[in-house]
């Protein structure tokens, strides 16, 4: 089983504020997969890693133009 992270731990791991993860969860627009477990929002570490890897791969396919 993958390690479970609190929203605070997940935010720290990806370097974003907790409020950003809450916004992403509420709007369903972005962010790593999360779920409720015993009334708490948790993240699987493997899902965080997959989300980061997907963002990395997307950026490599569509690089930002140099300013």
C-alpha atoms as a PDB file:
ATOM      1  CA  UNK A   1       0.000   0.000   0.000  1.00  0.00           C
ATOM      2  CA  UNK A   2       1.167   3.498  -0.829  1.00  0.00           C
ATOM      3  CA  UNK A   3       2.009   5.951   1.927  1.00  0.00           C
ATOM      4  CA  UNK A   4      -0.926   8.235   2.796  1.00  0.00           C
ATOM      5  CA  UNK A   5      -0.288  11.958   3.134  1.00  0.00           C
ATOM      6  CA  UNK A   6      -2.348  14.630   4.832  1.00  0.00           C
ATOM      7  CA  UNK A   7      -3.243  17.688   2.790  1.00  0.00           C
ATOM      8  CA  UNK A   8      -0.508  19.573   4.659  1.00  0.00           C
ATOM      9  CA  UNK A   9       2.086  16.919   3.825  1.00  0.00           C
ATOM     10  CA  UNK A  10       0.978  16.781   0.190  1.00  0.00           C
ATOM     11  CA  UNK A  11       1.182  20.570  -0.108  1.00  0.00           C
ATOM     12  CA  UNK A  12       4.675  20.558   1.344  1.00  0.00           C
ATOM     13  CA  UNK A  13       5.772  17.764  -0.973  1.00  0.00           C
ATOM     14  CA  UNK A  14       4.726  19.666  -4.110  1.00  0.00           C
ATOM     15  CA  UNK A  15       5.653  23.108  -2.792  1.00  0.00           C
ATOM     16  CA  UNK A  16       2.180  24.663  -2.942  1.00  0.00           C
ATOM     17  CA  UNK A  17      -0.004  26.206  -0.237  1.00  0.00           C
ATOM     18  CA  UNK A  18      -2.668  24.049   1.380  1.00  0.00           C
ATOM     19  CA  UNK A  19      -5.249  26.550   0.107  1.00  0.00           C
ATOM     20  CA  UNK A  20      -4.212  25.737  -3.473  1.00  0.00           C
ATOM     21  CA  UNK A  21      -4.797  22.022  -2.951  1.00  0.00           C
ATOM     22  CA  UNK A  22      -8.176  22.788  -1.381  1.00  0.00           C
ATOM     23  CA  UNK A  23      -9.082  24.981  -4.364  1.00  0.00           C
ATOM     24  CA  UNK A  24      -8.008  22.314  -6.850  1.00  0.00           C
ATOM     25  CA  UNK A  25     -10.028  19.688  -4.969  1.00  0.00           C
ATOM     26  CA  UNK A  26     -13.132  21.905  -4.787  1.00  0.00           C
ATOM     27  CA  UNK A  27     -13.057  22.844  -8.459  1.00  0.00           C
ATOM     28  CA  UNK A  28     -11.749  19.559  -9.820  1.00  0.00           C
ATOM     29  CA  UNK A  29      -9.581  21.530 -12.227  1.00  0.00           C
ATOM     30  CA  UNK A  30      -6.076  20.409 -11.343  1.00  0.00           C
ATOM     31  CA  UNK A  31      -3.971  18.772  -8.707  1.00  0.00           C
ATOM     32  CA  UNK A  32      -3.158  15.271  -7.606  1.00  0.00           C
ATOM     33  CA  UNK A  33      -5.885  12.752  -6.865  1.00  0.00           C
ATOM     34  CA  UNK A  34      -7.249  12.839  -3.310  1.00  0.00           C
ATOM     35  CA  UNK A  35      -9.974  11.101  -1.334  1.00  0.00           C
ATOM     36  CA  UNK A  36     -11.694  11.120   2.038  1.00  0.00           C
ATOM     37  CA  UNK A  37     -10.687   8.544   4.613  1.00  0.00           C
ATOM     38  CA  UNK A  38     -12.349   8.716   8.005  1.00  0.00           C
ATOM     39  CA  UNK A  39     -13.459  12.286   7.388  1.00  0.00           C
ATOM     40  CA  UNK A  40      -9.986  13.509   6.392  1.00  0.00           C
ATOM     41  CA  UNK A  41      -8.743  14.366   2.928  1.00  0.00           C
ATOM     42  CA  UNK A  42      -5.687  12.277   2.120  1.00  0.00           C
ATOM     43  CA  UNK A  43      -3.371  11.753  -0.818  1.00  0.00           C
ATOM     44  CA  UNK A  44      -1.508   8.622  -1.824  1.00  0.00           C
ATOM     45  CA  UNK A  45       2.195   9.341  -2.250  1.00  0.00           C
ATOM     46  CA  UNK A  46       2.191   7.367  -5.502  1.00  0.00           C
ATOM     47  CA  UNK A  47      -0.572   9.649  -6.862  1.00  0.00           C
ATOM     48  CA  UNK A  48       1.474  12.732  -5.975  1.00  0.00           C
ATOM     49  CA  UNK A  49       4.476  11.260  -7.791  1.00  0.00           C
ATOM     50  CA  UNK A  50       2.351  10.361 -10.839  1.00  0.00           C
ATOM     51  CA  UNK A  51       0.857  13.857 -10.967  1.00  0.00           C
ATOM     52  CA  UNK A  52       4.307  15.476 -10.812  1.00  0.00           C
ATOM     53  CA  UNK A  53       5.618  13.125 -13.505  1.00  0.00           C
ATOM     54  CA  UNK A  54       2.633  13.895 -15.767  1.00  0.00           C
ATOM     55  CA  UNK A  55       3.235  17.638 -15.357  1.00  0.00           C
ATOM     56  CA  UNK A  56       6.912  17.126 -16.187  1.00  0.00           C
ATOM     57  CA  UNK A  57       6.099  15.104 -19.309  1.00  0.00           C
ATOM     58  CA  UNK A  58       3.475  17.641 -20.454  1.00  0.00           C
ATOM     59  CA  UNK A  59       6.001  20.452 -20.079  1.00  0.00           C
ATOM     60  CA  UNK A  60       8.590  18.528 -22.072  1.00  0.00           C
ATOM     61  CA  UNK A  61       6.104  18.006 -24.923  1.00  0.00           C
ATOM     62  CA  UNK A  62       4.937  21.636 -24.928  1.00  0.00           C
ATOM     63  CA  UNK A  63       7.859  23.796 -23.754  1.00  0.00           C
ATOM     64  CA  UNK A  64       7.256  27.438 -23.001  1.00  0.00           C
ATOM     65  CA  UNK A  65       8.737  29.851 -25.542  1.00  0.00           C
ATOM     66  CA  UNK A  66      11.805  31.779 -24.383  1.00  0.00           C
ATOM     67  CA  UNK A  67      11.025  35.335 -23.374  1.00  0.00           C
END
